[in-house]
């Protein structure tokens, strides 16, 4: 994550998987400002760890199984794609 300190202000740049967040919010968001609660609800509903969902959203975890085949999804990423009935390229 990039950040810059200037006096009393700190500027941070954060990258997110906007497409995955859009799918989650469309399906699980109940309150206007409840972005993170819907993500944990989505993870529990889909049956994956909340930390893994967070990792996919913040791009800290790759959805691709690099150790086996670079074009193969990790099992948890496949569960997410299956849950939303979309292909991996649409959501990741």
PDB file of N, CA and C in Angstrom:
ATOM      1  N   UNK A   1       0.855  -1.160   0.000  1.00  0.00           N
ATOM      2  CA  UNK A   1       0.000   0.000   0.000  1.00  0.00           C
ATOM      3  C   UNK A   1       0.897   1.218   0.000  1.00  0.00           C
ATOM      4  N   UNK A   2       0.630   2.165  -0.875  1.00  0.00           N
ATOM      5  CA  UNK A   2       1.430   3.369  -0.922  1.00  0.00           C
ATOM      6  C   UNK A   2       0.847   4.444  -0.030  1.00  0.00           C
ATOM      7  N   UNK A   3       1.722   5.172   0.649  1.00  0.00           N
ATOM      8  CA  UNK A   3       1.242   6.301   1.428  1.00  0.00           C
ATOM      9  C   UNK A   3       2.292   7.389   1.450  1.00  0.00           C
ATOM     10  N   UNK A   4       1.832   8.583   1.746  1.00  0.00           N
ATOM     11  CA  UNK A   4       2.716   9.736   1.779  1.00  0.00           C
ATOM     12  C   UNK A   4       2.386  10.545   3.026  1.00  0.00           C
ATOM     13  N   UNK A   5       3.401  10.897   3.782  1.00  0.00           N
ATOM     14  CA  UNK A   5       3.214  11.702   4.987  1.00  0.00           C
ATOM     15  C   UNK A   5       3.572  13.148   4.662  1.00  0.00           C
ATOM     16  N   UNK A   6       2.672  14.062   4.927  1.00  0.00           N
ATOM     17  CA  UNK A   6       2.945  15.481   4.756  1.00  0.00           C
ATOM     18  C   UNK A   6       2.409  16.214   5.971  1.00  0.00           C
ATOM     19  N   UNK A   7       3.281  16.518   6.904  1.00  0.00           N
ATOM     20  CA  UNK A   7       2.855  17.241   8.105  1.00  0.00           C
ATOM     21  C   UNK A   7       1.883  16.423   8.920  1.00  0.00           C
ATOM     22  N   UNK A   8       0.675  16.918   9.054  1.00  0.00           N
ATOM     23  CA  UNK A   8      -0.347  16.256   9.869  1.00  0.00           C
ATOM     24  C   UNK A   8      -1.262  15.337   9.066  1.00  0.00           C
ATOM     25  N   UNK A   9      -1.031  15.237   7.767  1.00  0.00           N
ATOM     26  CA  UNK A   9      -1.894  14.422   6.922  1.00  0.00           C
ATOM     27  C   UNK A   9      -1.155  13.200   6.405  1.00  0.00           C
ATOM     28  N   UNK A  10      -1.890  12.123   6.235  1.00  0.00           N
ATOM     29  CA  UNK A  10      -1.341  10.906   5.634  1.00  0.00           C
ATOM     30  C   UNK A  10      -2.266  10.517   4.485  1.00  0.00           C
ATOM     31  N   UNK A  11      -1.706  10.394   3.319  1.00  0.00           N
ATOM     32  CA  UNK A  11      -2.463  10.021   2.126  1.00  0.00           C
ATOM     33  C   UNK A  11      -2.180   8.564   1.811  1.00  0.00           C
ATOM     34  N   UNK A  12      -3.219   7.737   1.697  1.00  0.00           N
ATOM     35  CA  UNK A  12      -3.057   6.318   1.394  1.00  0.00           C
ATOM     36  C   UNK A  12      -3.790   5.965   0.115  1.00  0.00           C
ATOM     37  N   UNK A  13      -3.192   5.089  -0.650  1.00  0.00           N
ATOM     38  CA  UNK A  13      -3.847   4.519  -1.824  1.00  0.00           C
ATOM     39  C   UNK A  13      -4.155   3.068  -1.517  1.00  0.00           C
ATOM     40  N   UNK A  14      -5.383   2.669  -1.725  1.00  0.00           N
ATOM     41  CA  UNK A  14      -5.773   1.280  -1.488  1.00  0.00           C
ATOM     42  C   UNK A  14      -6.413   0.741  -2.758  1.00  0.00           C
ATOM     43  N   UNK A  15      -6.057  -0.475  -3.063  1.00  0.00           N
ATOM     44  CA  UNK A  15      -6.606  -1.122  -4.246  1.00  0.00           C
ATOM     45  C   UNK A  15      -7.568  -2.216  -3.807  1.00  0.00           C
ATOM     46  N   UNK A  16      -8.692  -2.316  -4.479  1.00  0.00           N
ATOM     47  CA  UNK A  16      -9.723  -3.308  -4.158  1.00  0.00           C
ATOM     48  C   UNK A  16     -10.176  -3.995  -5.442  1.00  0.00           C
ATOM     49  N   UNK A  17     -10.707  -5.192  -5.271  1.00  0.00           N
ATOM     50  CA  UNK A  17     -11.332  -5.889  -6.390  1.00  0.00           C
ATOM     51  C   UNK A  17     -12.757  -5.340  -6.483  1.00  0.00           C
ATOM     52  N   UNK A  18     -12.941  -4.319  -7.301  1.00  0.00           N
ATOM     53  CA  UNK A  18     -14.218  -3.623  -7.402  1.00  0.00           C
ATOM     54  C   UNK A  18     -15.334  -4.537  -7.909  1.00  0.00           C
ATOM     55  N   UNK A  19     -15.007  -5.433  -8.810  1.00  0.00           N
ATOM     56  CA  UNK A  19     -16.040  -6.308  -9.373  1.00  0.00           C
ATOM     57  C   UNK A  19     -16.579  -7.267  -8.307  1.00  0.00           C
ATOM     58  N   UNK A  20     -15.665  -7.878  -7.533  1.00  0.00           N
ATOM     59  CA  UNK A  20     -16.099  -8.774  -6.455  1.00  0.00           C
ATOM     60  C   UNK A  20     -16.912  -8.001  -5.430  1.00  0.00           C
ATOM     61  N   UNK A  21     -16.470  -6.820  -5.061  1.00  0.00           N
ATOM     62  CA  UNK A  21     -17.202  -6.004  -4.097  1.00  0.00           C
ATOM     63  C   UNK A  21     -18.592  -5.654  -4.619  1.00  0.00           C
ATOM     64  N   UNK A  22     -18.694  -5.383  -5.900  1.00  0.00           N
ATOM     65  CA  UNK A  22     -19.996  -5.074  -6.504  1.00  0.00           C
ATOM     66  C   UNK A  22     -20.951  -6.276  -6.403  1.00  0.00           C
ATOM     67  N   UNK A  23     -20.456  -7.469  -6.714  1.00  0.00           N
ATOM     68  CA  UNK A  23     -21.291  -8.674  -6.599  1.00  0.00           C
ATOM     69  C   UNK A  23     -21.752  -8.869  -5.158  1.00  0.00           C
ATOM     70  N   UNK A  24     -20.850  -8.694  -4.214  1.00  0.00           N
ATOM     71  CA  UNK A  24     -21.187  -8.882  -2.794  1.00  0.00           C
ATOM     72  C   UNK A  24     -22.211  -7.852  -2.340  1.00  0.00           C
ATOM     73  N   UNK A  25     -21.986  -6.590  -2.673  1.00  0.00           N
ATOM     74  CA  UNK A  25     -22.906  -5.543  -2.238  1.00  0.00           C
ATOM     75  C   UNK A  25     -24.295  -5.704  -2.844  1.00  0.00           C
ATOM     76  N   UNK A  26     -24.374  -6.105  -4.094  1.00  0.00           N
ATOM     77  CA  UNK A  26     -25.679  -6.299  -4.730  1.00  0.00           C
ATOM     78  C   UNK A  26     -26.479  -7.382  -4.026  1.00  0.00           C
ATOM     79  N   UNK A  27     -25.791  -8.396  -3.541  1.00  0.00           N
ATOM     80  CA  UNK A  27     -26.478  -9.544  -2.946  1.00  0.00           C
ATOM     81  C   UNK A  27     -26.677  -9.423  -1.442  1.00  0.00           C
ATOM     82  N   UNK A  28     -25.728  -8.794  -0.729  1.00  0.00           N
ATOM     83  CA  UNK A  28     -25.734  -8.863   0.726  1.00  0.00           C
ATOM     84  C   UNK A  28     -25.873  -7.532   1.458  1.00  0.00           C
ATOM     85  N   UNK A  29     -25.714  -6.429   0.805  1.00  0.00           N
ATOM     86  CA  UNK A  29     -25.746  -5.145   1.517  1.00  0.00           C
ATOM     87  C   UNK A  29     -27.160  -4.825   1.956  1.00  0.00           C
ATOM     88  N   UNK A  30     -27.302  -4.551   3.249  1.00  0.00           N
ATOM     89  CA  UNK A  30     -28.629  -4.249   3.783  1.00  0.00           C
ATOM     90  C   UNK A  30     -28.751  -2.790   4.207  1.00  0.00           C
ATOM     91  N   UNK A  31     -27.665  -2.193   4.649  1.00  0.00           N
ATOM     92  CA  UNK A  31     -27.684  -0.800   5.062  1.00  0.00           C
ATOM     93  C   UNK A  31     -26.761   0.004   4.159  1.00  0.00           C
ATOM     94  N   UNK A  32     -27.048   1.264   3.999  1.00  0.00           N
ATOM     95  CA  UNK A  32     -26.316   2.124   3.073  1.00  0.00           C
ATOM     96  C   UNK A  32     -24.807   2.128   3.317  1.00  0.00           C
ATOM     97  N   UNK A  33     -24.379   2.215   4.557  1.00  0.00           N
ATOM     98  CA  UNK A  33     -22.957   2.355   4.842  1.00  0.00           C
ATOM     99  C   UNK A  33     -22.304   1.077   5.347  1.00  0.00           C
ATOM    100  N   UNK A  34     -22.987  -0.041   5.295  1.00  0.00           N
ATOM    101  CA  UNK A  34     -22.454  -1.288   5.847  1.00  0.00           C
ATOM    102  C   UNK A  34     -21.706  -2.086   4.783  1.00  0.00           C
ATOM    103  N   UNK A  35     -20.534  -1.587   4.368  1.00  0.00           N
ATOM    104  CA  UNK A  35     -19.752  -2.260   3.331  1.00  0.00           C
ATOM    105  C   UNK A  35     -19.052  -3.498   3.880  1.00  0.00           C
ATOM    106  N   UNK A  36     -18.467  -3.411   5.072  1.00  0.00           N
ATOM    107  CA  UNK A  36     -17.652  -4.510   5.577  1.00  0.00           C
ATOM    108  C   UNK A  36     -18.496  -5.613   6.216  1.00  0.00           C
ATOM    109  N   UNK A  37     -19.606  -5.262   6.824  1.00  0.00           N
ATOM    110  CA  UNK A  37     -20.485  -6.274   7.396  1.00  0.00           C
ATOM    111  C   UNK A  37     -21.044  -7.199   6.330  1.00  0.00           C
ATOM    112  N   UNK A  38     -21.360  -6.653   5.170  1.00  0.00           N
ATOM    113  CA  UNK A  38     -21.904  -7.491   4.106  1.00  0.00           C
ATOM    114  C   UNK A  38     -20.833  -8.424   3.555  1.00  0.00           C
ATOM    115  N   UNK A  39     -19.570  -8.025   3.605  1.00  0.00           N
ATOM    116  CA  UNK A  39     -18.489  -8.886   3.122  1.00  0.00           C
ATOM    117  C   UNK A  39     -18.299 -10.088   4.038  1.00  0.00           C
ATOM    118  N   UNK A  40     -18.371  -9.867   5.340  1.00  0.00           N
ATOM    119  CA  UNK A  40     -18.230 -10.999   6.258  1.00  0.00           C
ATOM    120  C   UNK A  40     -19.463 -11.902   6.187  1.00  0.00           C
ATOM    121  N   UNK A  41     -20.635 -11.324   6.008  1.00  0.00           N
ATOM    122  CA  UNK A  41     -21.848 -12.128   5.831  1.00  0.00           C
ATOM    123  C   UNK A  41     -21.741 -12.971   4.554  1.00  0.00           C
ATOM    124  N   UNK A  42     -21.231 -12.386   3.494  1.00  0.00           N
ATOM    125  CA  UNK A  42     -21.057 -13.116   2.237  1.00  0.00           C
ATOM    126  C   UNK A  42     -20.103 -14.282   2.425  1.00  0.00           C
ATOM    127  N   UNK A  43     -18.988 -14.047   3.107  1.00  0.00           N
ATOM    128  CA  UNK A  43     -18.009 -15.117   3.332  1.00  0.00           C
ATOM    129  C   UNK A  43     -18.638 -16.268   4.124  1.00  0.00           C
ATOM    130  N   UNK A  44     -19.351 -15.938   5.179  1.00  0.00           N
ATOM    131  CA  UNK A  44     -19.986 -16.991   5.994  1.00  0.00           C
ATOM    132  C   UNK A  44     -21.046 -17.738   5.193  1.00  0.00           C
ATOM    133  N   UNK A  45     -21.822 -17.020   4.396  1.00  0.00           N
ATOM    134  CA  UNK A  45     -22.868 -17.651   3.588  1.00  0.00           C
ATOM    135  C   UNK A  45     -22.270 -18.578   2.528  1.00  0.00           C
ATOM    136  N   UNK A  46     -21.205 -18.127   1.886  1.00  0.00           N
ATOM    137  CA  UNK A  46     -20.551 -18.926   0.844  1.00  0.00           C
ATOM    138  C   UNK A  46     -19.807 -20.112   1.445  1.00  0.00           C
ATOM    139  N   UNK A  47     -19.346 -19.946   2.691  1.00  0.00           N
ATOM    140  CA  UNK A  47     -18.648 -21.036   3.368  1.00  0.00           C
ATOM    141  C   UNK A  47     -17.136 -20.956   3.256  1.00  0.00           C
ATOM    142  N   UNK A  48     -16.623 -19.727   3.230  1.00  0.00           N
ATOM    143  CA  UNK A  48     -15.171 -19.544   3.202  1.00  0.00           C
ATOM    144  C   UNK A  48     -14.776 -18.662   4.382  1.00  0.00           C
ATOM    145  N   UNK A  49     -13.515 -18.707   4.799  1.00  0.00           N
ATOM    146  CA  UNK A  49     -13.082 -17.844   5.903  1.00  0.00           C
ATOM    147  C   UNK A  49     -13.208 -16.356   5.553  1.00  0.00           C
ATOM    148  N   UNK A  50     -13.606 -15.568   6.522  1.00  0.00           N
ATOM    149  CA  UNK A  50     -13.755 -14.129   6.318  1.00  0.00           C
ATOM    150  C   UNK A  50     -12.418 -13.507   5.901  1.00  0.00           C
ATOM    151  N   UNK A  51     -11.318 -13.969   6.478  1.00  0.00           N
ATOM    152  CA  UNK A  51     -10.000 -13.456   6.132  1.00  0.00           C
ATOM    153  C   UNK A  51      -9.634 -13.724   4.677  1.00  0.00           C
ATOM    154  N   UNK A  52     -10.080 -14.853   4.162  1.00  0.00           N
ATOM    155  CA  UNK A  52      -9.826 -15.176   2.753  1.00  0.00           C
ATOM    156  C   UNK A  52     -10.617 -14.245   1.846  1.00  0.00           C
ATOM    157  N   UNK A  53     -11.878 -14.002   2.190  1.00  0.00           N
ATOM    158  CA  UNK A  53     -12.691 -13.066   1.404  1.00  0.00           C
ATOM    159  C   UNK A  53     -12.046 -11.686   1.430  1.00  0.00           C
ATOM    160  N   UNK A  54     -11.601 -11.267   2.596  1.00  0.00           N
ATOM    161  CA  UNK A  54     -10.923  -9.978   2.727  1.00  0.00           C
ATOM    162  C   UNK A  54      -9.665  -9.934   1.861  1.00  0.00           C
ATOM    163  N   UNK A  55      -8.918 -11.020   1.836  1.00  0.00           N
ATOM    164  CA  UNK A  55      -7.710 -11.092   1.018  1.00  0.00           C
ATOM    165  C   UNK A  55      -7.996 -10.967  -0.475  1.00  0.00           C
ATOM    166  N   UNK A  56      -9.080 -11.579  -0.922  1.00  0.00           N
ATOM    167  CA  UNK A  56      -9.461 -11.453  -2.335  1.00  0.00           C
ATOM    168  C   UNK A  56      -9.908 -10.021  -2.648  1.00  0.00           C
ATOM    169  N   UNK A  57     -10.650  -9.418  -1.719  1.00  0.00           N
ATOM    170  CA  UNK A  57     -11.138  -8.054  -1.934  1.00  0.00           C
ATOM    171  C   UNK A  57     -10.011  -7.031  -1.957  1.00  0.00           C
ATOM    172  N   UNK A  58      -9.020  -7.218  -1.121  1.00  0.00           N
ATOM    173  CA  UNK A  58      -7.918  -6.252  -1.040  1.00  0.00           C
ATOM    174  C   UNK A  58      -6.741  -6.637  -1.933  1.00  0.00           C
ATOM    175  N   UNK A  59      -6.903  -7.692  -2.696  1.00  0.00           N
ATOM    176  CA  UNK A  59      -5.894  -8.160  -3.645  1.00  0.00           C
ATOM    177  C   UNK A  59      -4.613  -8.653  -2.963  1.00  0.00           C
ATOM    178  N   UNK A  60      -4.710  -9.047  -1.695  1.00  0.00           N
ATOM    179  CA  UNK A  60      -3.553  -9.612  -0.999  1.00  0.00           C
ATOM    180  C   UNK A  60      -3.407 -11.094  -1.294  1.00  0.00           C
ATOM    181  N   UNK A  61      -4.493 -11.743  -1.674  1.00  0.00           N
ATOM    182  CA  UNK A  61      -4.488 -13.175  -1.983  1.00  0.00           C
ATOM    183  C   UNK A  61      -4.861 -13.350  -3.455  1.00  0.00           C
ATOM    184  N   UNK A  62      -4.092 -14.159  -4.150  1.00  0.00           N
ATOM    185  CA  UNK A  62      -4.405 -14.439  -5.550  1.00  0.00           C
ATOM    186  C   UNK A  62      -5.475 -15.533  -5.624  1.00  0.00           C
ATOM    187  N   UNK A  63      -6.471 -15.370  -6.478  1.00  0.00           N
ATOM    188  CA  UNK A  63      -7.476 -16.408  -6.645  1.00  0.00           C
ATOM    189  C   UNK A  63      -6.965 -17.579  -7.479  1.00  0.00           C
ATOM    190  N   UNK A  64      -5.804 -17.406  -8.097  1.00  0.00           N
ATOM    191  CA  UNK A  64      -5.270 -18.429  -8.989  1.00  0.00           C
ATOM    192  C   UNK A  64      -4.323 -19.358  -8.254  1.00  0.00           C
ATOM    193  N   UNK A  65      -4.425 -20.634  -8.540  1.00  0.00           N
ATOM    194  CA  UNK A  65      -3.595 -21.661  -7.911  1.00  0.00           C
ATOM    195  C   UNK A  65      -2.261 -21.742  -8.636  1.00  0.00           C
ATOM    196  N   UNK A  66      -1.359 -20.864  -8.301  1.00  0.00           N
ATOM    197  CA  UNK A  66      -0.083 -20.743  -9.006  1.00  0.00           C
ATOM    198  C   UNK A  66       0.783 -21.990  -8.836  1.00  0.00           C
ATOM    199  N   UNK A  67       0.697 -22.639  -7.689  1.00  0.00           N
ATOM    200  CA  UNK A  67       1.524 -23.817  -7.429  1.00  0.00           C
ATOM    201  C   UNK A  67       1.189 -24.977  -8.370  1.00  0.00           C
ATOM    202  N   UNK A  68      -0.081 -25.125  -8.706  1.00  0.00           N
ATOM    203  CA  UNK A  68      -0.497 -26.239  -9.569  1.00  0.00           C
ATOM    204  C   UNK A  68      -0.528 -25.809 -11.032  1.00  0.00           C
ATOM    205  N   UNK A  69      -1.522 -25.051 -11.376  1.00  0.00           N
ATOM    206  CA  UNK A  69      -1.684 -24.532 -12.739  1.00  0.00           C
ATOM    207  C   UNK A  69      -2.039 -23.065 -12.647  1.00  0.00           C
ATOM    208  N   UNK A  70      -1.352 -22.191 -13.352  1.00  0.00           N
ATOM    209  CA  UNK A  70      -1.645 -20.760 -13.263  1.00  0.00           C
ATOM    210  C   UNK A  70      -3.054 -20.374 -13.710  1.00  0.00           C
ATOM    211  N   UNK A  71      -3.704 -21.216 -14.481  1.00  0.00           N
ATOM    212  CA  UNK A  71      -5.039 -20.887 -14.971  1.00  0.00           C
ATOM    213  C   UNK A  71      -6.140 -21.539 -14.148  1.00  0.00           C
ATOM    214  N   UNK A  72      -5.791 -22.172 -13.056  1.00  0.00           N
ATOM    215  CA  UNK A  72      -6.773 -22.865 -12.225  1.00  0.00           C
ATOM    216  C   UNK A  72      -7.073 -22.052 -10.970  1.00  0.00           C
ATOM    217  N   UNK A  73      -8.345 -21.917 -10.643  1.00  0.00           N
ATOM    218  CA  UNK A  73      -8.754 -21.169  -9.455  1.00  0.00           C
ATOM    219  C   UNK A  73      -8.471 -21.950  -8.176  1.00  0.00           C
ATOM    220  N   UNK A  74      -8.159 -21.219  -7.104  1.00  0.00           N
ATOM    221  CA  UNK A  74      -8.109 -21.845  -5.783  1.00  0.00           C
ATOM    222  C   UNK A  74      -9.517 -22.333  -5.442  1.00  0.00           C
ATOM    223  N   UNK A  75      -9.635 -23.351  -4.605  1.00  0.00           N
ATOM    224  CA  UNK A  75     -10.972 -23.855  -4.260  1.00  0.00           C
ATOM    225  C   UNK A  75     -11.897 -22.792  -3.664  1.00  0.00           C
ATOM    226  N   UNK A  76     -11.359 -21.908  -2.822  1.00  0.00           N
ATOM    227  CA  UNK A  76     -12.229 -20.880  -2.229  1.00  0.00           C
ATOM    228  C   UNK A  76     -12.679 -19.868  -3.285  1.00  0.00           C
ATOM    229  N   UNK A  77     -11.804 -19.515  -4.199  1.00  0.00           N
ATOM    230  CA  UNK A  77     -12.183 -18.597  -5.271  1.00  0.00           C
ATOM    231  C   UNK A  77     -13.230 -19.243  -6.175  1.00  0.00           C
ATOM    232  N   UNK A  78     -13.089 -20.544  -6.414  1.00  0.00           N
ATOM    233  CA  UNK A  78     -14.072 -21.261  -7.224  1.00  0.00           C
ATOM    234  C   UNK A  78     -15.433 -21.272  -6.531  1.00  0.00           C
ATOM    235  N   UNK A  79     -15.438 -21.412  -5.197  1.00  0.00           N
ATOM    236  CA  UNK A  79     -16.707 -21.367  -4.452  1.00  0.00           C
ATOM    237  C   UNK A  79     -17.399 -20.021  -4.628  1.00  0.00           C
ATOM    238  N   UNK A  80     -16.619 -18.952  -4.616  1.00  0.00           N
ATOM    239  CA  UNK A  80     -17.197 -17.617  -4.794  1.00  0.00           C
ATOM    240  C   UNK A  80     -17.790 -17.485  -6.198  1.00  0.00           C
ATOM    241  N   UNK A  81     -17.027 -17.867  -7.212  1.00  0.00           N
ATOM    242  CA  UNK A  81     -17.510 -17.780  -8.597  1.00  0.00           C
ATOM    243  C   UNK A  81     -18.765 -18.635  -8.779  1.00  0.00           C
ATOM    244  N   UNK A  82     -18.757 -19.847  -8.217  1.00  0.00           N
ATOM    245  CA  UNK A  82     -19.931 -20.726  -8.318  1.00  0.00           C
ATOM    246  C   UNK A  82     -21.144 -20.120  -7.614  1.00  0.00           C
ATOM    247  N   UNK A  83     -20.917 -19.533  -6.443  1.00  0.00           N
ATOM    248  CA  UNK A  83     -22.020 -18.947  -5.686  1.00  0.00           C
ATOM    249  C   UNK A  83     -22.717 -17.850  -6.490  1.00  0.00           C
ATOM    250  N   UNK A  84     -21.926 -17.015  -7.147  1.00  0.00           N
ATOM    251  CA  UNK A  84     -22.506 -15.920  -7.932  1.00  0.00           C
ATOM    252  C   UNK A  84     -22.829 -16.329  -9.364  1.00  0.00           C
ATOM    253  N   UNK A  85     -22.566 -17.588  -9.705  1.00  0.00           N
ATOM    254  CA  UNK A  85     -22.869 -18.133 -11.038  1.00  0.00           C
ATOM    255  C   UNK A  85     -22.210 -17.315 -12.148  1.00  0.00           C
ATOM    256  N   UNK A  86     -20.926 -17.029 -11.955  1.00  0.00           N
ATOM    257  CA  UNK A  86     -20.167 -16.289 -12.977  1.00  0.00           C
ATOM    258  C   UNK A  86     -18.835 -16.976 -13.193  1.00  0.00           C
ATOM    259  N   UNK A  87     -18.217 -16.679 -14.314  1.00  0.00           N
ATOM    260  CA  UNK A  87     -16.896 -17.205 -14.599  1.00  0.00           C
ATOM    261  C   UNK A  87     -15.840 -16.438 -13.817  1.00  0.00           C
ATOM    262  N   UNK A  88     -14.702 -17.078 -13.626  1.00  0.00           N
ATOM    263  CA  UNK A  88     -13.630 -16.465 -12.859  1.00  0.00           C
ATOM    264  C   UNK A  88     -13.162 -15.138 -13.445  1.00  0.00           C
ATOM    265  N   UNK A  89     -13.106 -15.064 -14.760  1.00  0.00           N
ATOM    266  CA  UNK A  89     -12.640 -13.842 -15.398  1.00  0.00           C
ATOM    267  C   UNK A  89     -13.578 -12.667 -15.170  1.00  0.00           C
ATOM    268  N   UNK A  90     -14.842 -12.961 -14.834  1.00  0.00           N
ATOM    269  CA  UNK A  90     -15.814 -11.907 -14.566  1.00  0.00           C
ATOM    270  C   UNK A  90     -15.656 -11.317 -13.179  1.00  0.00           C
ATOM    271  N   UNK A  91     -15.182 -12.114 -12.256  1.00  0.00           N
ATOM    272  CA  UNK A  91     -15.166 -11.678 -10.853  1.00  0.00           C
ATOM    273  C   UNK A  91     -13.749 -11.450 -10.331  1.00  0.00           C
ATOM    274  N   UNK A  92     -12.778 -12.078 -10.964  1.00  0.00           N
ATOM    275  CA  UNK A  92     -11.389 -11.907 -10.527  1.00  0.00           C
ATOM    276  C   UNK A  92     -10.582 -11.330 -11.660  1.00  0.00           C
TER     277      UNK A  92
END
